[in-house]
Amino acid sequence: MSLKRSDVENIAHLARLAVNTSELDSVAGDLSTILHLVEQMNAVDTTGVIPMAHPLHMAQRLRPDVVNETDEREHFQSIAPATEMGLYLVPRVVE
């Protein structure tokens, strides 16, 4: 797909991009090249290809799902100015 100068002007207007008139031909060429690459990628038959989450075939290093912090809720609520039923009470800000 080849874009014309008027196409680039319209796209730039819709995208609210400021493109100098001296750059319109260059931008049209660049966008046409990108669209040509997308057409080539769409032409490839990908039936039977399993989608990948990452371009490299490698295992994710995952840390073990274990608790590594102690529950200090009671301690933190004991030093708080006001709590009720496990919640922190704060002064009203919006009236």
PDB file of N, CA and C in Angstrom:
ATOM      1  N   MET A   1       0.852  -1.171   0.000  1.00  0.00           N
ATOM      2  CA  MET A   1       0.000   0.000   0.000  1.00  0.00           C
ATOM      3  C   MET A   1       0.898   1.236   0.000  1.00  0.00           C
ATOM      4  N   SER A   2       0.654   2.110  -0.911  1.00  0.00           N
ATOM      5  CA  SER A   2       1.448   3.319  -1.025  1.00  0.00           C
ATOM      6  C   SER A   2       0.600   4.522  -0.635  1.00  0.00           C
ATOM      7  N   LEU A   3       1.116   5.315   0.269  1.00  0.00           N
ATOM      8  CA  LEU A   3       0.390   6.494   0.718  1.00  0.00           C
ATOM      9  C   LEU A   3       0.793   7.719  -0.099  1.00  0.00           C
ATOM     10  N   LYS A   4      -0.180   8.535  -0.374  1.00  0.00           N
ATOM     11  CA  LYS A   4       0.084   9.792  -1.069  1.00  0.00           C
ATOM     12  C   LYS A   4       0.263  10.908  -0.043  1.00  0.00           C
ATOM     13  N   ARG A   5       0.727  12.017  -0.522  1.00  0.00           N
ATOM     14  CA  ARG A   5       0.943  13.193   0.325  1.00  0.00           C
ATOM     15  C   ARG A   5      -0.355  13.614   1.012  1.00  0.00           C
ATOM     16  N   SER A   6      -1.469  13.568   0.287  1.00  0.00           N
ATOM     17  CA  SER A   6      -2.759  13.963   0.862  1.00  0.00           C
ATOM     18  C   SER A   6      -3.197  12.989   1.960  1.00  0.00           C
ATOM     19  N   ASP A   7      -2.847  11.692   1.789  1.00  0.00           N
ATOM     20  CA  ASP A   7      -3.175  10.710   2.827  1.00  0.00           C
ATOM     21  C   ASP A   7      -2.436  11.027   4.127  1.00  0.00           C
ATOM     22  N   VAL A   8      -1.166  11.386   3.988  1.00  0.00           N
ATOM     23  CA  VAL A   8      -0.361  11.702   5.175  1.00  0.00           C
ATOM     24  C   VAL A   8      -0.875  12.971   5.845  1.00  0.00           C
ATOM     25  N   GLU A   9      -1.269  13.942   5.051  1.00  0.00           N
ATOM     26  CA  GLU A   9      -1.841  15.170   5.634  1.00  0.00           C
ATOM     27  C   GLU A   9      -3.097  14.846   6.427  1.00  0.00           C
ATOM     28  N   ASN A  10      -3.952  13.974   5.876  1.00  0.00           N
ATOM     29  CA  ASN A  10      -5.196  13.597   6.558  1.00  0.00           C
ATOM     30  C   ASN A  10      -4.902  12.806   7.839  1.00  0.00           C
ATOM     31  N   ILE A  11      -3.969  11.868   7.762  1.00  0.00           N
ATOM     32  CA  ILE A  11      -3.604  11.074   8.942  1.00  0.00           C
ATOM     33  C   ILE A  11      -3.016  11.979  10.020  1.00  0.00           C
ATOM     34  N   ALA A  12      -2.148  12.895   9.626  1.00  0.00           N
ATOM     35  CA  ALA A  12      -1.546  13.811  10.597  1.00  0.00           C
ATOM     36  C   ALA A  12      -2.606  14.688  11.249  1.00  0.00           C
ATOM     37  N   HIS A  13      -3.584  15.126  10.453  1.00  0.00           N
ATOM     38  CA  HIS A  13      -4.662  15.944  11.017  1.00  0.00           C
ATOM     39  C   HIS A  13      -5.486  15.133  12.017  1.00  0.00           C
ATOM     40  N   LEU A  14      -5.834  13.899  11.661  1.00  0.00           N
ATOM     41  CA  LEU A  14      -6.643  13.062  12.561  1.00  0.00           C
ATOM     42  C   LEU A  14      -5.885  12.718  13.840  1.00  0.00           C
ATOM     43  N   ALA A  15      -4.567  12.538  13.718  1.00  0.00           N
ATOM     44  CA  ALA A  15      -3.754  12.190  14.881  1.00  0.00           C
ATOM     45  C   ALA A  15      -3.277  13.420  15.633  1.00  0.00           C
ATOM     46  N   ARG A  16      -3.641  14.587  15.150  1.00  0.00           N
ATOM     47  CA  ARG A  16      -3.246  15.855  15.760  1.00  0.00           C
ATOM     48  C   ARG A  16      -1.724  15.967  15.848  1.00  0.00           C
ATOM     49  N   LEU A  17      -1.062  15.603  14.719  1.00  0.00           N
ATOM     50  CA  LEU A  17       0.388  15.696  14.629  1.00  0.00           C
ATOM     51  C   LEU A  17       0.759  16.845  13.709  1.00  0.00           C
ATOM     52  N   ALA A  18       1.766  17.588  14.089  1.00  0.00           N
ATOM     53  CA  ALA A  18       2.248  18.675  13.254  1.00  0.00           C
ATOM     54  C   ALA A  18       3.373  18.141  12.376  1.00  0.00           C
ATOM     55  N   VAL A  19       3.100  18.021  11.078  1.00  0.00           N
ATOM     56  CA  VAL A  19       4.101  17.546  10.129  1.00  0.00           C
ATOM     57  C   VAL A  19       4.381  18.684   9.158  1.00  0.00           C
ATOM     58  N   ASN A  20       5.652  19.060   9.048  1.00  0.00           N
ATOM     59  CA  ASN A  20       6.024  20.119   8.113  1.00  0.00           C
ATOM     60  C   ASN A  20       5.747  19.684   6.683  1.00  0.00           C
ATOM     61  N   THR A  21       5.362  20.629   5.854  1.00  0.00           N
ATOM     62  CA  THR A  21       5.076  20.298   4.450  1.00  0.00           C
ATOM     63  C   THR A  21       6.326  19.787   3.740  1.00  0.00           C
ATOM     64  N   SER A  22       7.502  20.206   4.182  1.00  0.00           N
ATOM     65  CA  SER A  22       8.734  19.717   3.564  1.00  0.00           C
ATOM     66  C   SER A  22       9.011  18.254   3.921  1.00  0.00           C
ATOM     67  N   GLU A  23       8.397  17.765   5.019  1.00  0.00           N
ATOM     68  CA  GLU A  23       8.614  16.387   5.464  1.00  0.00           C
ATOM     69  C   GLU A  23       7.535  15.429   4.986  1.00  0.00           C
ATOM     70  N   LEU A  24       6.487  15.927   4.348  1.00  0.00           N
ATOM     71  CA  LEU A  24       5.358  15.070   3.990  1.00  0.00           C
ATOM     72  C   LEU A  24       5.762  13.916   3.082  1.00  0.00           C
ATOM     73  N   ASP A  25       6.598  14.169   2.081  1.00  0.00           N
ATOM     74  CA  ASP A  25       6.994  13.097   1.170  1.00  0.00           C
ATOM     75  C   ASP A  25       7.829  12.040   1.897  1.00  0.00           C
ATOM     76  N   SER A  26       8.701  12.471   2.779  1.00  0.00           N
ATOM     77  CA  SER A  26       9.530  11.537   3.547  1.00  0.00           C
ATOM     78  C   SER A  26       8.670  10.691   4.484  1.00  0.00           C
ATOM     79  N   VAL A  27       7.734  11.335   5.159  1.00  0.00           N
ATOM     80  CA  VAL A  27       6.839  10.619   6.078  1.00  0.00           C
ATOM     81  C   VAL A  27       5.954   9.654   5.291  1.00  0.00           C
ATOM     82  N   ALA A  28       5.489  10.059   4.123  1.00  0.00           N
ATOM     83  CA  ALA A  28       4.669   9.182   3.285  1.00  0.00           C
ATOM     84  C   ALA A  28       5.465   7.947   2.885  1.00  0.00           C
ATOM     85  N   GLY A  29       6.720   8.127   2.545  1.00  0.00           N
ATOM     86  CA  GLY A  29       7.566   6.984   2.197  1.00  0.00           C
ATOM     87  C   GLY A  29       7.775   6.054   3.368  1.00  0.00           C
ATOM     88  N   ASP A  30       8.048   6.620   4.544  1.00  0.00           N
ATOM     89  CA  ASP A  30       8.261   5.805   5.741  1.00  0.00           C
ATOM     90  C   ASP A  30       7.005   5.023   6.115  1.00  0.00           C
ATOM     91  N   LEU A  31       5.869   5.681   6.095  1.00  0.00           N
ATOM     92  CA  LEU A  31       4.613   4.998   6.427  1.00  0.00           C
ATOM     93  C   LEU A  31       4.278   3.928   5.398  1.00  0.00           C
ATOM     94  N   SER A  32       4.552   4.199   4.120  1.00  0.00           N
ATOM     95  CA  SER A  32       4.302   3.201   3.080  1.00  0.00           C
ATOM     96  C   SER A  32       5.177   1.972   3.296  1.00  0.00           C
ATOM     97  N   THR A  33       6.425   2.179   3.709  1.00  0.00           N
ATOM     98  CA  THR A  33       7.330   1.061   3.991  1.00  0.00           C
ATOM     99  C   THR A  33       6.813   0.227   5.157  1.00  0.00           C
ATOM    100  N   ILE A  34       6.328   0.894   6.182  1.00  0.00           N
ATOM    101  CA  ILE A  34       5.779   0.181   7.348  1.00  0.00           C
ATOM    102  C   ILE A  34       4.550  -0.619   6.946  1.00  0.00           C
ATOM    103  N   LEU A  35       3.660  -0.010   6.178  1.00  0.00           N
ATOM    104  CA  LEU A  35       2.455  -0.724   5.745  1.00  0.00           C
ATOM    105  C   LEU A  35       2.793  -1.892   4.828  1.00  0.00           C
ATOM    106  N   HIS A  36       3.825  -1.750   4.012  1.00  0.00           N
ATOM    107  CA  HIS A  36       4.254  -2.851   3.146  1.00  0.00           C
ATOM    108  C   HIS A  36       4.764  -4.017   3.991  1.00  0.00           C
ATOM    109  N   LEU A  37       5.523  -3.710   5.053  1.00  0.00           N
ATOM    110  CA  LEU A  37       6.011  -4.752   5.957  1.00  0.00           C
ATOM    111  C   LEU A  37       4.847  -5.466   6.644  1.00  0.00           C
ATOM    112  N   VAL A  38       3.835  -4.716   7.058  1.00  0.00           N
ATOM    113  CA  VAL A  38       2.660  -5.326   7.697  1.00  0.00           C
ATOM    114  C   VAL A  38       1.934  -6.226   6.706  1.00  0.00           C
ATOM    115  N   GLU A  39       1.832  -5.819   5.449  1.00  0.00           N
ATOM    116  CA  GLU A  39       1.208  -6.665   4.425  1.00  0.00           C
ATOM    117  C   GLU A  39       1.988  -7.959   4.241  1.00  0.00           C
ATOM    118  N   GLN A  40       3.318  -7.871   4.250  1.00  0.00           N
ATOM    119  CA  GLN A  40       4.138  -9.073   4.130  1.00  0.00           C
ATOM    120  C   GLN A  40       3.915 -10.010   5.311  1.00  0.00           C
ATOM    121  N   MET A  41       3.830  -9.454   6.514  1.00  0.00           N
ATOM    122  CA  MET A  41       3.624 -10.295   7.696  1.00  0.00           C
ATOM    123  C   MET A  41       2.235 -10.923   7.670  1.00  0.00           C
ATOM    124  N   ASN A  42       1.233 -10.203   7.186  1.00  0.00           N
ATOM    125  CA  ASN A  42      -0.115 -10.766   7.094  1.00  0.00           C
ATOM    126  C   ASN A  42      -0.201 -11.869   6.050  1.00  0.00           C
ATOM    127  N   ALA A  43       0.686 -11.852   5.048  1.00  0.00           N
ATOM    128  CA  ALA A  43       0.652 -12.856   3.988  1.00  0.00           C
ATOM    129  C   ALA A  43       1.223 -14.195   4.438  1.00  0.00           C
ATOM    130  N   VAL A  44       1.956 -14.233   5.534  1.00  0.00           N
ATOM    131  CA  VAL A  44       2.579 -15.468   6.014  1.00  0.00           C
ATOM    132  C   VAL A  44       1.512 -16.386   6.604  1.00  0.00           C
ATOM    133  N   ASP A  45       1.561 -17.668   6.220  1.00  0.00           N
ATOM    134  CA  ASP A  45       0.617 -18.649   6.749  1.00  0.00           C
ATOM    135  C   ASP A  45       1.076 -19.077   8.145  1.00  0.00           C
ATOM    136  N   THR A  46       0.289 -18.753   9.153  1.00  0.00           N
ATOM    137  CA  THR A  46       0.654 -19.060  10.534  1.00  0.00           C
ATOM    138  C   THR A  46      -0.244 -20.115  11.157  1.00  0.00           C
ATOM    139  N   THR A  47      -0.968 -20.872  10.331  1.00  0.00           N
ATOM    140  CA  THR A  47      -1.812 -21.928  10.893  1.00  0.00           C
ATOM    141  C   THR A  47      -0.921 -22.976  11.544  1.00  0.00           C
ATOM    142  N   GLY A  48      -1.290 -23.385  12.708  1.00  0.00           N
ATOM    143  CA  GLY A  48      -0.542 -24.381  13.452  1.00  0.00           C
ATOM    144  C   GLY A  48       0.615 -23.821  14.254  1.00  0.00           C
ATOM    145  N   VAL A  49       0.840 -22.529  14.200  1.00  0.00           N
ATOM    146  CA  VAL A  49       1.915 -21.915  14.983  1.00  0.00           C
ATOM    147  C   VAL A  49       1.346 -21.504  16.338  1.00  0.00           C
ATOM    148  N   ILE A  50       1.967 -21.980  17.374  1.00  0.00           N
ATOM    149  CA  ILE A  50       1.496 -21.672  18.723  1.00  0.00           C
ATOM    150  C   ILE A  50       2.022 -20.292  19.125  1.00  0.00           C
ATOM    151  N   PRO A  51       1.142 -19.400  19.592  1.00  0.00           N
ATOM    152  CA  PRO A  51       1.606 -18.067  20.028  1.00  0.00           C
ATOM    153  C   PRO A  51       2.576 -18.185  21.190  1.00  0.00           C
ATOM    154  N   MET A  52       3.532 -17.280  21.203  1.00  0.00           N
ATOM    155  CA  MET A  52       4.543 -17.282  22.261  1.00  0.00           C
ATOM    156  C   MET A  52       4.351 -16.060  23.151  1.00  0.00           C
ATOM    157  N   ALA A  53       4.646 -16.223  24.425  1.00  0.00           N
ATOM    158  CA  ALA A  53       4.589 -15.094  25.347  1.00  0.00           C
ATOM    159  C   ALA A  53       5.899 -14.331  25.340  1.00  0.00           C
ATOM    160  N   HIS A  54       6.957 -14.972  24.871  1.00  0.00           N
ATOM    161  CA  HIS A  54       8.282 -14.356  24.857  1.00  0.00           C
ATOM    162  C   HIS A  54       9.040 -14.889  23.643  1.00  0.00           C
ATOM    163  N   PRO A  55       9.835 -14.090  22.969  1.00  0.00           N
ATOM    164  CA  PRO A  55      10.507 -14.573  21.766  1.00  0.00           C
ATOM    165  C   PRO A  55      11.584 -15.621  22.013  1.00  0.00           C
ATOM    166  N   LEU A  56      12.036 -15.769  23.231  1.00  0.00           N
ATOM    167  CA  LEU A  56      13.056 -16.766  23.543  1.00  0.00           C
ATOM    168  C   LEU A  56      12.417 -17.939  24.259  1.00  0.00           C
ATOM    169  N   HIS A  57      12.811 -19.153  23.878  1.00  0.00           N
ATOM    170  CA  HIS A  57      12.291 -20.353  24.544  1.00  0.00           C
ATOM    171  C   HIS A  57      13.112 -20.598  25.804  1.00  0.00           C
ATOM    172  N   MET A  58      12.635 -20.079  26.896  1.00  0.00           N
ATOM    173  CA  MET A  58      13.328 -20.278  28.154  1.00  0.00           C
ATOM    174  C   MET A  58      12.310 -20.275  29.293  1.00  0.00           C
ATOM    175  N   ALA A  59      12.658 -20.961  30.346  1.00  0.00           N
ATOM    176  CA  ALA A  59      11.765 -21.028  31.504  1.00  0.00           C
ATOM    177  C   ALA A  59      11.887 -19.751  32.315  1.00  0.00           C
ATOM    178  N   GLN A  60      10.780 -19.331  32.857  1.00  0.00           N
ATOM    179  CA  GLN A  60      10.787 -18.158  33.727  1.00  0.00           C
ATOM    180  C   GLN A  60      11.352 -18.547  35.083  1.00  0.00           C
ATOM    181  N   ARG A  61      12.213 -17.704  35.591  1.00  0.00           N
ATOM    182  CA  ARG A  61      12.732 -17.945  36.930  1.00  0.00           C
ATOM    183  C   ARG A  61      11.719 -17.384  37.921  1.00  0.00           C
ATOM    184  N   LEU A  62      11.026 -18.248  38.592  1.00  0.00           N
ATOM    185  CA  LEU A  62      10.001 -17.818  39.539  1.00  0.00           C
ATOM    186  C   LEU A  62      10.483 -18.108  40.949  1.00  0.00           C
ATOM    187  N   ARG A  63      10.218 -17.191  41.835  1.00  0.00           N
ATOM    188  CA  ARG A  63      10.581 -17.418  43.222  1.00  0.00           C
ATOM    189  C   ARG A  63       9.504 -18.284  43.864  1.00  0.00           C
ATOM    190  N   PRO A  64       9.857 -19.020  44.877  1.00  0.00           N
ATOM    191  CA  PRO A  64       8.845 -19.836  45.557  1.00  0.00           C
ATOM    192  C   PRO A  64       7.797 -18.948  46.231  1.00  0.00           C
ATOM    193  N   ASP A  65       6.565 -19.387  46.196  1.00  0.00           N
ATOM    194  CA  ASP A  65       5.464 -18.624  46.778  1.00  0.00           C
ATOM    195  C   ASP A  65       5.360 -18.970  48.258  1.00  0.00           C
ATOM    196  N   VAL A  66       6.201 -18.331  49.057  1.00  0.00           N
ATOM    197  CA  VAL A  66       6.208 -18.574  50.496  1.00  0.00           C
ATOM    198  C   VAL A  66       6.095 -17.242  51.218  1.00  0.00           C
ATOM    199  N   VAL A  67       5.548 -17.286  52.407  1.00  0.00           N
ATOM    200  CA  VAL A  67       5.425 -16.086  53.236  1.00  0.00           C
ATOM    201  C   VAL A  67       6.801 -15.779  53.814  1.00  0.00           C
ATOM    202  N   ASN A  68       7.256 -14.539  53.615  1.00  0.00           N
ATOM    203  CA  ASN A  68       8.560 -14.178  54.158  1.00  0.00           C
ATOM    204  C   ASN A  68       8.477 -12.975  55.092  1.00  0.00           C
ATOM    205  N   GLU A  69       7.268 -12.543  55.422  1.00  0.00           N
ATOM    206  CA  GLU A  69       7.084 -11.463  56.386  1.00  0.00           C
ATOM    207  C   GLU A  69       6.127 -11.947  57.468  1.00  0.00           C
ATOM    208  N   THR A  70       6.368 -11.479  58.677  1.00  0.00           N
ATOM    209  CA  THR A  70       5.491 -11.874  59.774  1.00  0.00           C
ATOM    210  C   THR A  70       4.289 -10.939  59.833  1.00  0.00           C
ATOM    211  N   ASP A  71       3.193 -11.428  60.370  1.00  0.00           N
ATOM    212  CA  ASP A  71       1.970 -10.636  60.502  1.00  0.00           C
ATOM    213  C   ASP A  71       2.120  -9.704  61.695  1.00  0.00           C
ATOM    214  N   GLU A  72       2.229  -8.417  61.426  1.00  0.00           N
ATOM    215  CA  GLU A  72       2.380  -7.434  62.485  1.00  0.00           C
ATOM    216  C   GLU A  72       1.194  -6.490  62.549  1.00  0.00           C
ATOM    217  N   ARG A  73       0.044  -6.951  62.122  1.00  0.00           N
ATOM    218  CA  ARG A  73      -1.140  -6.107  62.094  1.00  0.00           C
ATOM    219  C   ARG A  73      -1.515  -5.605  63.483  1.00  0.00           C
ATOM    220  N   GLU A  74      -1.502  -6.500  64.436  1.00  0.00           N
ATOM    221  CA  GLU A  74      -1.868  -6.118  65.806  1.00  0.00           C
ATOM    222  C   GLU A  74      -0.910  -5.053  66.348  1.00  0.00           C
ATOM    223  N   HIS A  75       0.363  -5.207  66.072  1.00  0.00           N
ATOM    224  CA  HIS A  75       1.337  -4.223  66.550  1.00  0.00           C
ATOM    225  C   HIS A  75       1.080  -2.855  65.919  1.00  0.00           C
ATOM    226  N   PHE A  76       0.886  -2.818  64.587  1.00  0.00           N
ATOM    227  CA  PHE A  76       0.677  -1.546  63.899  1.00  0.00           C
ATOM    228  C   PHE A  76      -0.633  -0.886  64.328  1.00  0.00           C
ATOM    229  N   GLN A  77      -1.660  -1.684  64.575  1.00  0.00           N
ATOM    230  CA  GLN A  77      -2.920  -1.093  65.001  1.00  0.00           C
ATOM    231  C   GLN A  77      -2.867  -0.654  66.458  1.00  0.00           C
ATOM    232  N   SER A  78      -1.989  -1.249  67.228  1.00  0.00           N
ATOM    233  CA  SER A  78      -1.897  -0.834  68.634  1.00  0.00           C
ATOM    234  C   SER A  78      -1.257   0.552  68.752  1.00  0.00           C
ATOM    235  N   ILE A  79      -0.434   0.949  67.824  1.00  0.00           N
ATOM    236  CA  ILE A  79       0.200   2.266  67.892  1.00  0.00           C
ATOM    237  C   ILE A  79      -0.545   3.306  67.050  1.00  0.00           C
ATOM    238  N   ALA A  80      -1.602   2.903  66.354  1.00  0.00           N
ATOM    239  CA  ALA A  80      -2.377   3.846  65.541  1.00  0.00           C
ATOM    240  C   ALA A  80      -3.269   4.688  66.443  1.00  0.00           C
ATOM    241  N   PRO A  81      -3.558   5.933  66.053  1.00  0.00           N
ATOM    242  CA  PRO A  81      -4.401   6.795  66.884  1.00  0.00           C
ATOM    243  C   PRO A  81      -5.811   6.261  67.051  1.00  0.00           C
ATOM    244  N   ALA A  82      -6.404   5.722  65.978  1.00  0.00           N
ATOM    245  CA  ALA A  82      -7.784   5.231  66.092  1.00  0.00           C
ATOM    246  C   ALA A  82      -7.995   4.076  65.115  1.00  0.00           C
ATOM    247  N   THR A  83      -8.566   2.976  65.654  1.00  0.00           N
ATOM    248  CA  THR A  83      -8.924   1.831  64.817  1.00  0.00           C
ATOM    249  C   THR A  83     -10.283   1.323  65.254  1.00  0.00           C
ATOM    250  N   GLU A  84     -10.916   0.606  64.333  1.00  0.00           N
ATOM    251  CA  GLU A  84     -12.208   0.009  64.652  1.00  0.00           C
ATOM    252  C   GLU A  84     -12.407  -1.200  63.758  1.00  0.00           C
ATOM    253  N   MET A  85     -12.623  -2.365  64.352  1.00  0.00           N
ATOM    254  CA  MET A  85     -12.857  -3.615  63.633  1.00  0.00           C
ATOM    255  C   MET A  85     -11.758  -3.890  62.595  1.00  0.00           C
ATOM    256  N   GLY A  86     -10.502  -3.636  62.973  1.00  0.00           N
ATOM    257  CA  GLY A  86      -9.383  -3.918  62.092  1.00  0.00           C
ATOM    258  C   GLY A  86      -9.102  -2.856  61.050  1.00  0.00           C
ATOM    259  N   LEU A  87      -9.825  -1.749  61.078  1.00  0.00           N
ATOM    260  CA  LEU A  87      -9.632  -0.675  60.104  1.00  0.00           C
ATOM    261  C   LEU A  87      -9.054   0.542  60.801  1.00  0.00           C
ATOM    262  N   TYR A  88      -8.280   1.321  60.047  1.00  0.00           N
ATOM    263  CA  TYR A  88      -7.738   2.567  60.566  1.00  0.00           C
ATOM    264  C   TYR A  88      -8.772   3.663  60.373  1.00  0.00           C
ATOM    265  N   LEU A  89      -9.022   4.435  61.408  1.00  0.00           N
ATOM    266  CA  LEU A  89      -9.958   5.540  61.324  1.00  0.00           C
ATOM    267  C   LEU A  89      -9.170   6.833  61.108  1.00  0.00           C
ATOM    268  N   VAL A  90      -9.616   7.615  60.131  1.00  0.00           N
ATOM    269  CA  VAL A  90      -8.940   8.868  59.832  1.00  0.00           C
ATOM    270  C   VAL A  90      -9.954  10.001  59.901  1.00  0.00           C
ATOM    271  N   PRO A  91      -9.478  11.232  60.092  1.00  0.00           N
ATOM    272  CA  PRO A  91     -10.417  12.362  60.142  1.00  0.00           C
ATOM    273  C   PRO A  91     -11.078  12.572  58.781  1.00  0.00           C
ATOM    274  N   ARG A  92     -12.310  13.051  58.812  1.00  0.00           N
ATOM    275  CA  ARG A  92     -13.035  13.327  57.597  1.00  0.00           C
ATOM    276  C   ARG A  92     -12.380  14.510  56.869  1.00  0.00           C
ATOM    277  N   VAL A  93     -12.178  14.353  55.557  1.00  0.00           N
ATOM    278  CA  VAL A  93     -11.496  15.375  54.767  1.00  0.00           C
ATOM    279  C   VAL A  93     -12.511  16.161  53.927  1.00  0.00           C
ATOM    280  N   VAL A  94     -13.491  15.475  53.352  1.00  0.00           N
ATOM    281  CA  VAL A  94     -14.481  16.108  52.494  1.00  0.00           C
ATOM    282  C   VAL A  94     -15.783  16.261  53.280  1.00  0.00           C
ATOM    283  N   GLU A  95     -16.338  17.438  53.207  1.00  0.00           N
ATOM    284  CA  GLU A  95     -17.602  17.657  53.923  1.00  0.00           C
ATOM    285  C   GLU A  95     -18.768  17.660  52.982  1.00  0.00           C
TER     286      GLU A  95
END
